[in-house]
Amino acid sequence: MSSPWVPDRRDIIWIECSPQAGNEMRDRHALLVLSPRAFNQRTRIVIGLPMTTAASNEANPFAIRFSGLAGKISYILTHQPKSFDWVARKAKPHPWKRVTDEVYALACASLNQIVDLG
């Protein structure tokens, strides 16, 4: 018997972002998970960075561009870190599964420019 799915660091998940306010993302979006599995399991909270395929992010200095499955271009929005109750928001694994170590490192470095984690 396998254990229930819990998102883990570097995973890409689907998560429902609505309800939203102001300029926040709404509806279902991909999210790059930053928080570790043990934290996510214990708290039911996931901390991550939203992702989008909107080409308008090409000029965004805080959007990390990468190619997913079949060369589909996506952007990790490092200026919009989020925390969600992943259980209540019905998170599911994304078909792209995980980002590479290189893409994850770029996203963390970009976020660090904003929040200076040290």
PDB file of N, CA and C in Angstrom:
ATOM      1  N   MET A   1       0.847  -1.178   0.000  1.00  0.00           N
ATOM      2  CA  MET A   1       0.000   0.000   0.000  1.00  0.00           C
ATOM      3  C   MET A   1       0.892   1.241   0.000  1.00  0.00           C
ATOM      4  N   SER A   2       0.664   2.139  -0.934  1.00  0.00           N
ATOM      5  CA  SER A   2       1.487   3.347  -1.015  1.00  0.00           C
ATOM      6  C   SER A   2       0.922   4.436  -0.115  1.00  0.00           C
ATOM      7  N   SER A   3       1.816   5.333   0.317  1.00  0.00           N
ATOM      8  CA  SER A   3       1.373   6.432   1.163  1.00  0.00           C
ATOM      9  C   SER A   3       0.699   7.501   0.307  1.00  0.00           C
ATOM     10  N   PRO A   4      -0.176   8.306   0.912  1.00  0.00           N
ATOM     11  CA  PRO A   4      -0.874   9.343   0.149  1.00  0.00           C
ATOM     12  C   PRO A   4       0.107  10.361  -0.427  1.00  0.00           C
ATOM     13  N   TRP A   5      -0.262  10.922  -1.561  1.00  0.00           N
ATOM     14  CA  TRP A   5       0.572  11.920  -2.220  1.00  0.00           C
ATOM     15  C   TRP A   5       0.637  13.191  -1.392  1.00  0.00           C
ATOM     16  N   VAL A   6       1.844  13.724  -1.252  1.00  0.00           N
ATOM     17  CA  VAL A   6       2.102  15.008  -0.602  1.00  0.00           C
ATOM     18  C   VAL A   6       3.108  15.747  -1.478  1.00  0.00           C
ATOM     19  N   PRO A   7       2.844  17.004  -1.815  1.00  0.00           N
ATOM     20  CA  PRO A   7       3.807  17.734  -2.651  1.00  0.00           C
ATOM     21  C   PRO A   7       5.147  17.900  -1.942  1.00  0.00           C
ATOM     22  N   ASP A   8       6.215  17.959  -2.738  1.00  0.00           N
ATOM     23  CA  ASP A   8       7.560  18.089  -2.202  1.00  0.00           C
ATOM     24  C   ASP A   8       8.299  19.209  -2.923  1.00  0.00           C
ATOM     25  N   ARG A   9       9.368  19.672  -2.321  1.00  0.00           N
ATOM     26  CA  ARG A   9      10.211  20.720  -2.908  1.00  0.00           C
ATOM     27  C   ARG A   9      10.595  20.333  -4.340  1.00  0.00           C
ATOM     28  N   ARG A  10      10.533  21.323  -5.257  1.00  0.00           N
ATOM     29  CA  ARG A  10      10.832  21.190  -6.689  1.00  0.00           C
ATOM     30  C   ARG A  10       9.688  20.584  -7.494  1.00  0.00           C
ATOM     31  N   ASP A  11       8.633  20.088  -6.833  1.00  0.00           N
ATOM     32  CA  ASP A  11       7.471  19.572  -7.564  1.00  0.00           C
ATOM     33  C   ASP A  11       6.735  20.720  -8.242  1.00  0.00           C
ATOM     34  N   ILE A  12       6.091  20.399  -9.349  1.00  0.00           N
ATOM     35  CA  ILE A  12       5.146  21.314  -9.970  1.00  0.00           C
ATOM     36  C   ILE A  12       3.772  20.719  -9.705  1.00  0.00           C
ATOM     37  N   ILE A  13       2.877  21.532  -9.153  1.00  0.00           N
ATOM     38  CA  ILE A  13       1.535  21.054  -8.828  1.00  0.00           C
ATOM     39  C   ILE A  13       0.498  21.987  -9.458  1.00  0.00           C
ATOM     40  N   TRP A  14      -0.704  21.447  -9.625  1.00  0.00           N
ATOM     41  CA  TRP A  14      -1.859  22.275  -9.963  1.00  0.00           C
ATOM     42  C   TRP A  14      -2.493  22.698  -8.654  1.00  0.00           C
ATOM     43  N   ILE A  15      -2.880  23.978  -8.566  1.00  0.00           N
ATOM     44  CA  ILE A  15      -3.566  24.441  -7.362  1.00  0.00           C
ATOM     45  C   ILE A  15      -4.580  25.508  -7.742  1.00  0.00           C
ATOM     46  N   GLU A  16      -5.679  25.521  -7.045  1.00  0.00           N
ATOM     47  CA  GLU A  16      -6.751  26.503  -7.280  1.00  0.00           C
ATOM     48  C   GLU A  16      -6.397  27.783  -6.537  1.00  0.00           C
ATOM     49  N   CYS A  17      -6.211  28.876  -7.265  1.00  0.00           N
ATOM     50  CA  CYS A  17      -5.813  30.157  -6.668  1.00  0.00           C
ATOM     51  C   CYS A  17      -6.999  31.053  -6.313  1.00  0.00           C
ATOM     52  N   SER A  18      -8.184  30.709  -6.748  1.00  0.00           N
ATOM     53  CA  SER A  18      -9.366  31.523  -6.458  1.00  0.00           C
ATOM     54  C   SER A  18      -9.966  31.076  -5.128  1.00  0.00           C
ATOM     55  N   PRO A  19     -10.491  31.972  -4.329  1.00  0.00           N
ATOM     56  CA  PRO A  19     -10.700  33.386  -4.631  1.00  0.00           C
ATOM     57  C   PRO A  19      -9.393  34.167  -4.559  1.00  0.00           C
ATOM     58  N   GLN A  20      -9.344  35.251  -5.296  1.00  0.00           N
ATOM     59  CA  GLN A  20      -8.187  36.124  -5.337  1.00  0.00           C
ATOM     60  C   GLN A  20      -8.638  37.552  -5.116  1.00  0.00           C
ATOM     61  N   ALA A  21      -7.679  38.438  -4.953  1.00  0.00           N
ATOM     62  CA  ALA A  21      -7.984  39.860  -4.785  1.00  0.00           C
ATOM     63  C   ALA A  21      -6.993  40.675  -5.603  1.00  0.00           C
ATOM     64  N   GLY A  22      -7.430  41.813  -6.075  1.00  0.00           N
ATOM     65  CA  GLY A  22      -6.540  42.715  -6.807  1.00  0.00           C
ATOM     66  C   GLY A  22      -5.869  42.060  -7.993  1.00  0.00           C
ATOM     67  N   ASN A  23      -4.539  42.180  -8.062  1.00  0.00           N
ATOM     68  CA  ASN A  23      -3.766  41.655  -9.181  1.00  0.00           C
ATOM     69  C   ASN A  23      -3.264  40.233  -8.967  1.00  0.00           C
ATOM     70  N   GLU A  24      -3.738  39.563  -7.921  1.00  0.00           N
ATOM     71  CA  GLU A  24      -3.318  38.190  -7.677  1.00  0.00           C
ATOM     72  C   GLU A  24      -3.843  37.268  -8.783  1.00  0.00           C
ATOM     73  N   MET A  25      -3.139  36.155  -8.984  1.00  0.00           N
ATOM     74  CA  MET A  25      -3.586  35.157  -9.960  1.00  0.00           C
ATOM     75  C   MET A  25      -4.874  34.524  -9.470  1.00  0.00           C
ATOM     76  N   ARG A  26      -5.706  34.117 -10.408  1.00  0.00           N
ATOM     77  CA  ARG A  26      -6.949  33.434 -10.048  1.00  0.00           C
ATOM     78  C   ARG A  26      -7.048  32.151 -10.864  1.00  0.00           C
ATOM     79  N   ASP A  27      -8.010  31.344 -10.529  1.00  0.00           N
ATOM     80  CA  ASP A  27      -8.271  30.076 -11.198  1.00  0.00           C
ATOM     81  C   ASP A  27      -7.146  29.075 -10.922  1.00  0.00           C
ATOM     82  N   ARG A  28      -7.141  27.991 -11.669  1.00  0.00           N
ATOM     83  CA  ARG A  28      -6.155  26.927 -11.457  1.00  0.00           C
ATOM     84  C   ARG A  28      -4.857  27.287 -12.177  1.00  0.00           C
ATOM     85  N   HIS A  29      -3.753  27.172 -11.447  1.00  0.00           N
ATOM     86  CA  HIS A  29      -2.436  27.452 -12.012  1.00  0.00           C
ATOM     87  C   HIS A  29      -1.432  26.417 -11.526  1.00  0.00           C
ATOM     88  N   ALA A  30      -0.359  26.314 -12.284  1.00  0.00           N
ATOM     89  CA  ALA A  30       0.771  25.512 -11.832  1.00  0.00           C
ATOM     90  C   ALA A  30       1.523  26.302 -10.767  1.00  0.00           C
ATOM     91  N   LEU A  31       2.121  25.582  -9.832  1.00  0.00           N
ATOM     92  CA  LEU A  31       2.875  26.193  -8.742  1.00  0.00           C
ATOM     93  C   LEU A  31       4.145  25.386  -8.542  1.00  0.00           C
ATOM     94  N   LEU A  32       5.284  26.062  -8.495  1.00  0.00           N
ATOM     95  CA  LEU A  32       6.555  25.412  -8.153  1.00  0.00           C
ATOM     96  C   LEU A  32       6.657  25.379  -6.633  1.00  0.00           C
ATOM     97  N   VAL A  33       6.747  24.195  -6.070  1.00  0.00           N
ATOM     98  CA  VAL A  33       6.783  24.033  -4.613  1.00  0.00           C
ATOM     99  C   VAL A  33       8.188  24.334  -4.088  1.00  0.00           C
ATOM    100  N   LEU A  34       8.254  25.226  -3.094  1.00  0.00           N
ATOM    101  CA  LEU A  34       9.511  25.567  -2.423  1.00  0.00           C
ATOM    102  C   LEU A  34       9.667  24.839  -1.092  1.00  0.00           C
ATOM    103  N   SER A  35       8.571  24.554  -0.431  1.00  0.00           N
ATOM    104  CA  SER A  35       8.611  23.964   0.910  1.00  0.00           C
ATOM    105  C   SER A  35       8.795  22.443   0.841  1.00  0.00           C
ATOM    106  N   PRO A  36       9.453  21.874   1.853  1.00  0.00           N
ATOM    107  CA  PRO A  36       9.711  20.433   1.849  1.00  0.00           C
ATOM    108  C   PRO A  36       8.477  19.602   2.199  1.00  0.00           C
ATOM    109  N   ARG A  37       8.498  18.364   1.759  1.00  0.00           N
ATOM    110  CA  ARG A  37       7.376  17.431   1.960  1.00  0.00           C
ATOM    111  C   ARG A  37       6.957  17.349   3.429  1.00  0.00           C
ATOM    112  N   ALA A  38       7.919  17.232   4.341  1.00  0.00           N
ATOM    113  CA  ALA A  38       7.583  17.092   5.768  1.00  0.00           C
ATOM    114  C   ALA A  38       6.782  18.295   6.268  1.00  0.00           C
ATOM    115  N   PHE A  39       7.169  19.493   5.878  1.00  0.00           N
ATOM    116  CA  PHE A  39       6.433  20.705   6.240  1.00  0.00           C
ATOM    117  C   PHE A  39       5.035  20.676   5.629  1.00  0.00           C
ATOM    118  N   ASN A  40       4.956  20.366   4.336  1.00  0.00           N
ATOM    119  CA  ASN A  40       3.675  20.353   3.630  1.00  0.00           C
ATOM    120  C   ASN A  40       2.711  19.338   4.242  1.00  0.00           C
ATOM    121  N   GLN A  41       3.236  18.187   4.605  1.00  0.00           N
ATOM    122  CA  GLN A  41       2.403  17.141   5.195  1.00  0.00           C
ATOM    123  C   GLN A  41       1.906  17.553   6.579  1.00  0.00           C
ATOM    124  N   ARG A  42       2.786  18.092   7.377  1.00  0.00           N
ATOM    125  CA  ARG A  42       2.420  18.425   8.757  1.00  0.00           C
ATOM    126  C   ARG A  42       1.464  19.604   8.848  1.00  0.00           C
ATOM    127  N   THR A  43       1.677  20.635   8.016  1.00  0.00           N
ATOM    128  CA  THR A  43       0.894  21.864   8.133  1.00  0.00           C
ATOM    129  C   THR A  43      -0.280  21.947   7.160  1.00  0.00           C
ATOM    130  N   ARG A  44      -0.277  21.116   6.112  1.00  0.00           N
ATOM    131  CA  ARG A  44      -1.224  21.189   4.994  1.00  0.00           C
ATOM    132  C   ARG A  44      -1.051  22.475   4.196  1.00  0.00           C
ATOM    133  N   ILE A  45       0.016  23.212   4.476  1.00  0.00           N
ATOM    134  CA  ILE A  45       0.354  24.435   3.746  1.00  0.00           C
ATOM    135  C   ILE A  45       1.490  24.116   2.788  1.00  0.00           C
ATOM    136  N   VAL A  46       1.412  24.684   1.588  1.00  0.00           N
ATOM    137  CA  VAL A  46       2.495  24.578   0.629  1.00  0.00           C
ATOM    138  C   VAL A  46       2.935  26.010   0.298  1.00  0.00           C
ATOM    139  N   ILE A  47       4.243  26.227   0.261  1.00  0.00           N
ATOM    140  CA  ILE A  47       4.792  27.520  -0.118  1.00  0.00           C
ATOM    141  C   ILE A  47       5.416  27.342  -1.488  1.00  0.00           C
ATOM    142  N   GLY A  48       5.069  28.258  -2.408  1.00  0.00           N
ATOM    143  CA  GLY A  48       5.587  28.087  -3.754  1.00  0.00           C
ATOM    144  C   GLY A  48       5.526  29.352  -4.584  1.00  0.00           C
ATOM    145  N   LEU A  49       5.909  29.179  -5.848  1.00  0.00           N
ATOM    146  CA  LEU A  49       5.926  30.266  -6.816  1.00  0.00           C
ATOM    147  C   LEU A  49       4.988  29.910  -7.960  1.00  0.00           C
ATOM    148  N   PRO A  50       4.048  30.797  -8.281  1.00  0.00           N
ATOM    149  CA  PRO A  50       3.114  30.499  -9.360  1.00  0.00           C
ATOM    150  C   PRO A  50       3.829  30.458 -10.712  1.00  0.00           C
ATOM    151  N   MET A  51       3.231  29.724 -11.614  1.00  0.00           N
ATOM    152  CA  MET A  51       3.768  29.567 -12.957  1.00  0.00           C
ATOM    153  C   MET A  51       2.687  29.927 -13.967  1.00  0.00           C
ATOM    154  N   THR A  52       3.113  30.397 -15.124  1.00  0.00           N
ATOM    155  CA  THR A  52       2.185  30.767 -16.178  1.00  0.00           C
ATOM    156  C   THR A  52       2.842  30.540 -17.532  1.00  0.00           C
ATOM    157  N   THR A  53       2.021  30.433 -18.549  1.00  0.00           N
ATOM    158  CA  THR A  53       2.530  30.350 -19.918  1.00  0.00           C
ATOM    159  C   THR A  53       2.322  31.668 -20.656  1.00  0.00           C
ATOM    160  N   ALA A  54       1.863  32.709 -19.965  1.00  0.00           N
ATOM    161  CA  ALA A  54       1.587  34.002 -20.593  1.00  0.00           C
ATOM    162  C   ALA A  54       2.883  34.617 -21.137  1.00  0.00           C
ATOM    163  N   ALA A  55       2.933  34.794 -22.448  1.00  0.00           N
ATOM    164  CA  ALA A  55       4.129  35.330 -23.113  1.00  0.00           C
ATOM    165  C   ALA A  55       4.463  36.742 -22.668  1.00  0.00           C
ATOM    166  N   SER A  56       3.515  37.446 -22.077  1.00  0.00           N
ATOM    167  CA  SER A  56       3.776  38.808 -21.598  1.00  0.00           C
ATOM    168  C   SER A  56       4.862  38.825 -20.526  1.00  0.00           C
ATOM    169  N   ASN A  57       5.189  37.676 -19.960  1.00  0.00           N
ATOM    170  CA  ASN A  57       6.227  37.599 -18.931  1.00  0.00           C
ATOM    171  C   ASN A  57       7.641  37.528 -19.503  1.00  0.00           C
ATOM    172  N   GLU A  58       7.763  37.478 -20.816  1.00  0.00           N
ATOM    173  CA  GLU A  58       9.083  37.393 -21.445  1.00  0.00           C
ATOM    174  C   GLU A  58       9.987  38.551 -20.995  1.00  0.00           C
ATOM    175  N   ALA A  59       9.435  39.735 -20.810  1.00  0.00           N
ATOM    176  CA  ALA A  59      10.226  40.909 -20.406  1.00  0.00           C
ATOM    177  C   ALA A  59      10.254  41.115 -18.890  1.00  0.00           C
ATOM    178  N   ASN A  60       9.607  40.263 -18.135  1.00  0.00           N
ATOM    179  CA  ASN A  60       9.542  40.384 -16.676  1.00  0.00           C
ATOM    180  C   ASN A  60      10.881  39.933 -16.074  1.00  0.00           C
ATOM    181  N   PRO A  61      11.611  40.826 -15.397  1.00  0.00           N
ATOM    182  CA  PRO A  61      12.911  40.434 -14.845  1.00  0.00           C
ATOM    183  C   PRO A  61      12.814  39.416 -13.708  1.00  0.00           C
ATOM    184  N   PHE A  62      11.627  39.205 -13.178  1.00  0.00           N
ATOM    185  CA  PHE A  62      11.438  38.248 -12.091  1.00  0.00           C
ATOM    186  C   PHE A  62      10.715  36.982 -12.546  1.00  0.00           C
ATOM    187  N   ALA A  63      10.666  36.757 -13.850  1.00  0.00           N
ATOM    188  CA  ALA A  63      10.063  35.542 -14.410  1.00  0.00           C
ATOM    189  C   ALA A  63      11.171  34.650 -14.954  1.00  0.00           C
ATOM    190  N   ILE A  64      11.269  33.453 -14.438  1.00  0.00           N
ATOM    191  CA  ILE A  64      12.253  32.480 -14.896  1.00  0.00           C
ATOM    192  C   ILE A  64      11.627  31.671 -16.023  1.00  0.00           C
ATOM    193  N   ARG A  65      12.197  31.786 -17.206  1.00  0.00           N
ATOM    194  CA  ARG A  65      11.685  31.103 -18.400  1.00  0.00           C
ATOM    195  C   ARG A  65      12.311  29.715 -18.488  1.00  0.00           C
ATOM    196  N   PHE A  66      11.476  28.720 -18.785  1.00  0.00           N
ATOM    197  CA  PHE A  66      12.005  27.380 -19.020  1.00  0.00           C
ATOM    198  C   PHE A  66      11.059  26.616 -19.923  1.00  0.00           C
ATOM    199  N   SER A  67      11.565  25.535 -20.483  1.00  0.00           N
ATOM    200  CA  SER A  67      10.760  24.678 -21.363  1.00  0.00           C
ATOM    201  C   SER A  67      10.295  23.456 -20.589  1.00  0.00           C
ATOM    202  N   GLY A  68       8.994  23.203 -20.659  1.00  0.00           N
ATOM    203  CA  GLY A  68       8.436  22.013 -20.032  1.00  0.00           C
ATOM    204  C   GLY A  68       8.344  20.885 -21.045  1.00  0.00           C
ATOM    205  N   LEU A  69       7.418  19.987 -20.846  1.00  0.00           N
ATOM    206  CA  LEU A  69       7.217  18.867 -21.761  1.00  0.00           C
ATOM    207  C   LEU A  69       6.907  19.370 -23.158  1.00  0.00           C
ATOM    208  N   ALA A  70       7.438  18.710 -24.140  1.00  0.00           N
ATOM    209  CA  ALA A  70       7.209  19.032 -25.547  1.00  0.00           C
ATOM    210  C   ALA A  70       7.603  20.466 -25.888  1.00  0.00           C
ATOM    211  N   GLY A  71       8.561  21.024 -25.127  1.00  0.00           N
ATOM    212  CA  GLY A  71       9.069  22.353 -25.420  1.00  0.00           C
ATOM    213  C   GLY A  71       8.135  23.498 -25.081  1.00  0.00           C
ATOM    214  N   LYS A  72       7.060  23.240 -24.346  1.00  0.00           N
ATOM    215  CA  LYS A  72       6.118  24.296 -23.949  1.00  0.00           C
ATOM    216  C   LYS A  72       6.823  25.288 -23.031  1.00  0.00           C
ATOM    217  N   ILE A  73       6.791  26.583 -23.403  1.00  0.00           N
ATOM    218  CA  ILE A  73       7.454  27.623 -22.619  1.00  0.00           C
ATOM    219  C   ILE A  73       6.568  28.021 -21.437  1.00  0.00           C
ATOM    220  N   SER A  74       7.188  28.124 -20.274  1.00  0.00           N
ATOM    221  CA  SER A  74       6.492  28.527 -19.067  1.00  0.00           C
ATOM    222  C   SER A  74       7.376  29.500 -18.299  1.00  0.00           C
ATOM    223  N   TYR A  75       6.778  30.219 -17.367  1.00  0.00           N
ATOM    224  CA  TYR A  75       7.489  31.205 -16.558  1.00  0.00           C
ATOM    225  C   TYR A  75       7.166  30.977 -15.089  1.00  0.00           C
ATOM    226  N   ILE A  76       8.209  30.966 -14.263  1.00  0.00           N
ATOM    227  CA  ILE A  76       8.043  30.906 -12.813  1.00  0.00           C
ATOM    228  C   ILE A  76       8.098  32.345 -12.314  1.00  0.00           C
ATOM    229  N   LEU A  77       7.057  32.785 -11.641  1.00  0.00           N
ATOM    230  CA  LEU A  77       6.946  34.174 -11.205  1.00  0.00           C
ATOM    231  C   LEU A  77       7.512  34.316  -9.793  1.00  0.00           C
ATOM    232  N   THR A  78       8.779  34.693  -9.727  1.00  0.00           N
ATOM    233  CA  THR A  78       9.466  34.724  -8.438  1.00  0.00           C
ATOM    234  C   THR A  78       9.092  35.926  -7.578  1.00  0.00           C
ATOM    235  N   HIS A  79       8.384  36.887  -8.144  1.00  0.00           N
ATOM    236  CA  HIS A  79       7.959  38.068  -7.374  1.00  0.00           C
ATOM    237  C   HIS A  79       6.588  37.867  -6.727  1.00  0.00           C
ATOM    238  N   GLN A  80       6.031  36.651  -6.833  1.00  0.00           N
ATOM    239  CA  GLN A  80       4.706  36.395  -6.263  1.00  0.00           C
ATOM    240  C   GLN A  80       4.689  35.136  -5.398  1.00  0.00           C
ATOM    241  N   PRO A  81       5.578  35.005  -4.397  1.00  0.00           N
ATOM    242  CA  PRO A  81       5.520  33.794  -3.562  1.00  0.00           C
ATOM    243  C   PRO A  81       4.156  33.675  -2.891  1.00  0.00           C
ATOM    244  N   LYS A  82       3.699  32.453  -2.777  1.00  0.00           N
ATOM    245  CA  LYS A  82       2.359  32.179  -2.231  1.00  0.00           C
ATOM    246  C   LYS A  82       2.433  31.056  -1.202  1.00  0.00           C
ATOM    247  N   SER A  83       1.478  31.062  -0.294  1.00  0.00           N
ATOM    248  CA  SER A  83       1.247  29.895   0.558  1.00  0.00           C
ATOM    249  C   SER A  83      -0.235  29.552   0.469  1.00  0.00           C
ATOM    250  N   PHE A  84      -0.493  28.267   0.338  1.00  0.00           N
ATOM    251  CA  PHE A  84      -1.865  27.782   0.183  1.00  0.00           C
ATOM    252  C   PHE A  84      -2.078  26.551   1.044  1.00  0.00           C
ATOM    253  N   ASP A  85      -3.308  26.347   1.488  1.00  0.00           N
ATOM    254  CA  ASP A  85      -3.717  25.069   2.069  1.00  0.00           C
ATOM    255  C   ASP A  85      -3.911  24.133   0.885  1.00  0.00           C
ATOM    256  N   TRP A  86      -2.926  23.297   0.627  1.00  0.00           N
ATOM    257  CA  TRP A  86      -2.946  22.477  -0.585  1.00  0.00           C
ATOM    258  C   TRP A  86      -4.035  21.402  -0.542  1.00  0.00           C
ATOM    259  N   VAL A  87      -4.460  20.995   0.630  1.00  0.00           N
ATOM    260  CA  VAL A  87      -5.531  19.996   0.730  1.00  0.00           C
ATOM    261  C   VAL A  87      -6.873  20.650   0.394  1.00  0.00           C
ATOM    262  N   ALA A  88      -7.161  21.800   1.046  1.00  0.00           N
ATOM    263  CA  ALA A  88      -8.429  22.502   0.809  1.00  0.00           C
ATOM    264  C   ALA A  88      -8.542  22.989  -0.633  1.00  0.00           C
ATOM    265  N   ARG A  89      -7.409  23.330  -1.247  1.00  0.00           N
ATOM    266  CA  ARG A  89      -7.410  23.835  -2.622  1.00  0.00           C
ATOM    267  C   ARG A  89      -7.220  22.730  -3.655  1.00  0.00           C
ATOM    268  N   LYS A  90      -7.332  21.492  -3.185  1.00  0.00           N
ATOM    269  CA  LYS A  90      -7.344  20.307  -4.060  1.00  0.00           C
ATOM    270  C   LYS A  90      -6.147  20.238  -5.014  1.00  0.00           C
ATOM    271  N   ALA A  91      -4.956  20.409  -4.463  1.00  0.00           N
ATOM    272  CA  ALA A  91      -3.732  20.324  -5.263  1.00  0.00           C
ATOM    273  C   ALA A  91      -3.582  18.934  -5.868  1.00  0.00           C
ATOM    274  N   LYS A  92      -3.038  18.912  -7.055  1.00  0.00           N
ATOM    275  CA  LYS A  92      -2.788  17.664  -7.789  1.00  0.00           C
ATOM    276  C   LYS A  92      -1.417  17.749  -8.442  1.00  0.00           C
ATOM    277  N   PRO A  93      -0.762  16.617  -8.666  1.00  0.00           N
ATOM    278  CA  PRO A  93       0.509  16.647  -9.398  1.00  0.00           C
ATOM    279  C   PRO A  93       0.297  17.182 -10.814  1.00  0.00           C
ATOM    280  N   HIS A  94       1.231  17.964 -11.290  1.00  0.00           N
ATOM    281  CA  HIS A  94       1.217  18.504 -12.646  1.00  0.00           C
ATOM    282  C   HIS A  94       1.907  17.486 -13.563  1.00  0.00           C
ATOM    283  N   PRO A  95       1.512  17.395 -14.823  1.00  0.00           N
ATOM    284  CA  PRO A  95       2.158  16.436 -15.727  1.00  0.00           C
ATOM    285  C   PRO A  95       3.669  16.657 -15.897  1.00  0.00           C
ATOM    286  N   TRP A  96       4.161  17.884 -15.683  1.00  0.00           N
ATOM    287  CA  TRP A  96       5.598  18.144 -15.828  1.00  0.00           C
ATOM    288  C   TRP A  96       6.395  17.630 -14.637  1.00  0.00           C
ATOM    289  N   LYS A  97       5.722  17.216 -13.581  1.00  0.00           N
ATOM    290  CA  LYS A  97       6.280  16.606 -12.372  1.00  0.00           C
ATOM    291  C   LYS A  97       7.196  17.517 -11.551  1.00  0.00           C
ATOM    292  N   ARG A  98       8.407  17.816 -12.035  1.00  0.00           N
ATOM    293  CA  ARG A  98       9.373  18.586 -11.247  1.00  0.00           C
ATOM    294  C   ARG A  98      10.208  19.460 -12.171  1.00  0.00           C
ATOM    295  N   VAL A  99      10.789  20.512 -11.596  1.00  0.00           N
ATOM    296  CA  VAL A  99      11.760  21.301 -12.350  1.00  0.00           C
ATOM    297  C   VAL A  99      13.148  20.723 -12.100  1.00  0.00           C
ATOM    298  N   THR A 100      14.061  21.017 -12.984  1.00  0.00           N
ATOM    299  CA  THR A 100      15.439  20.561 -12.821  1.00  0.00           C
ATOM    300  C   THR A 100      16.105  21.310 -11.673  1.00  0.00           C
ATOM    301  N   ASP A 101      17.220  20.788 -11.210  1.00  0.00           N
ATOM    302  CA  ASP A 101      17.985  21.479 -10.169  1.00  0.00           C
ATOM    303  C   ASP A 101      18.386  22.871 -10.640  1.00  0.00           C
ATOM    304  N   GLU A 102      18.760  22.999 -11.919  1.00  0.00           N
ATOM    305  CA  GLU A 102      19.198  24.282 -12.463  1.00  0.00           C
ATOM    306  C   GLU A 102      18.067  25.314 -12.439  1.00  0.00           C
ATOM    307  N   VAL A 103      16.889  24.933 -12.895  1.00  0.00           N
ATOM    308  CA  VAL A 103      15.745  25.851 -12.906  1.00  0.00           C
ATOM    309  C   VAL A 103      15.353  26.216 -11.477  1.00  0.00           C
ATOM    310  N   TYR A 104      15.362  25.250 -10.585  1.00  0.00           N
ATOM    311  CA  TYR A 104      15.032  25.515  -9.182  1.00  0.00           C
ATOM    312  C   TYR A 104      16.020  26.519  -8.582  1.00  0.00           C
ATOM    313  N   ALA A 105      17.309  26.339  -8.853  1.00  0.00           N
ATOM    314  CA  ALA A 105      18.332  27.249  -8.334  1.00  0.00           C
ATOM    315  C   ALA A 105      18.142  28.666  -8.885  1.00  0.00           C
ATOM    316  N   LEU A 106      17.799  28.784 -10.170  1.00  0.00           N
ATOM    317  CA  LEU A 106      17.549  30.105 -10.761  1.00  0.00           C
ATOM    318  C   LEU A 106      16.350  30.782 -10.095  1.00  0.00           C
ATOM    319  N   ALA A 107      15.281  30.021  -9.858  1.00  0.00           N
ATOM    320  CA  ALA A 107      14.089  30.578  -9.216  1.00  0.00           C
ATOM    321  C   ALA A 107      14.411  31.039  -7.794  1.00  0.00           C
ATOM    322  N   CYS A 108      15.161  30.227  -7.054  1.00  0.00           N
ATOM    323  CA  CYS A 108      15.519  30.609  -5.680  1.00  0.00           C
ATOM    324  C   CYS A 108      16.431  31.833  -5.665  1.00  0.00           C
ATOM    325  N   ALA A 109      17.377  31.910  -6.604  1.00  0.00           N
ATOM    326  CA  ALA A 109      18.269  33.072  -6.664  1.00  0.00           C
ATOM    327  C   ALA A 109      17.481  34.335  -6.992  1.00  0.00           C
ATOM    328  N   SER A 110      16.520  34.233  -7.891  1.00  0.00           N
ATOM    329  CA  SER A 110      15.696  35.389  -8.232  1.00  0.00           C
ATOM    330  C   SER A 110      14.851  35.832  -7.046  1.00  0.00           C
ATOM    331  N   LEU A 111      14.232  34.888  -6.348  1.00  0.00           N
ATOM    332  CA  LEU A 111      13.452  35.216  -5.157  1.00  0.00           C
ATOM    333  C   LEU A 111      14.355  35.849  -4.097  1.00  0.00           C
ATOM    334  N   ASN A 112      15.561  35.349  -3.970  1.00  0.00           N
ATOM    335  CA  ASN A 112      16.487  35.883  -2.979  1.00  0.00           C
ATOM    336  C   ASN A 112      16.868  37.338  -3.265  1.00  0.00           C
ATOM    337  N   GLN A 113      16.833  37.745  -4.527  1.00  0.00           N
ATOM    338  CA  GLN A 113      17.092  39.155  -4.863  1.00  0.00           C
ATOM    339  C   GLN A 113      16.020  40.053  -4.242  1.00  0.00           C
ATOM    340  N   ILE A 114      14.828  39.511  -4.073  1.00  0.00           N
ATOM    341  CA  ILE A 114      13.706  40.288  -3.553  1.00  0.00           C
ATOM    342  C   ILE A 114      13.673  40.254  -2.026  1.00  0.00           C
ATOM    343  N   VAL A 115      13.799  39.074  -1.443  1.00  0.00           N
ATOM    344  CA  VAL A 115      13.626  38.934   0.007  1.00  0.00           C
ATOM    345  C   VAL A 115      14.933  38.789   0.778  1.00  0.00           C
ATOM    346  N   ASP A 116      16.062  38.613   0.092  1.00  0.00           N
ATOM    347  CA  ASP A 116      17.388  38.534   0.693  1.00  0.00           C
ATOM    348  C   ASP A 116      17.441  37.537   1.840  1.00  0.00           C
ATOM    349  N   LEU A 117      17.267  36.267   1.489  1.00  0.00           N
ATOM    350  CA  LEU A 117      17.297  35.201   2.500  1.00  0.00           C
ATOM    351  C   LEU A 117      18.697  34.916   3.022  1.00  0.00           C
ATOM    352  N   GLY A 118      19.714  35.413   2.330  1.00  0.00           N
ATOM    353  CA  GLY A 118      21.089  35.214   2.774  1.00  0.00           C
ATOM    354  C   GLY A 118      21.717  33.947   2.276  1.00  0.00           C
TER     355      GLY A 118
END
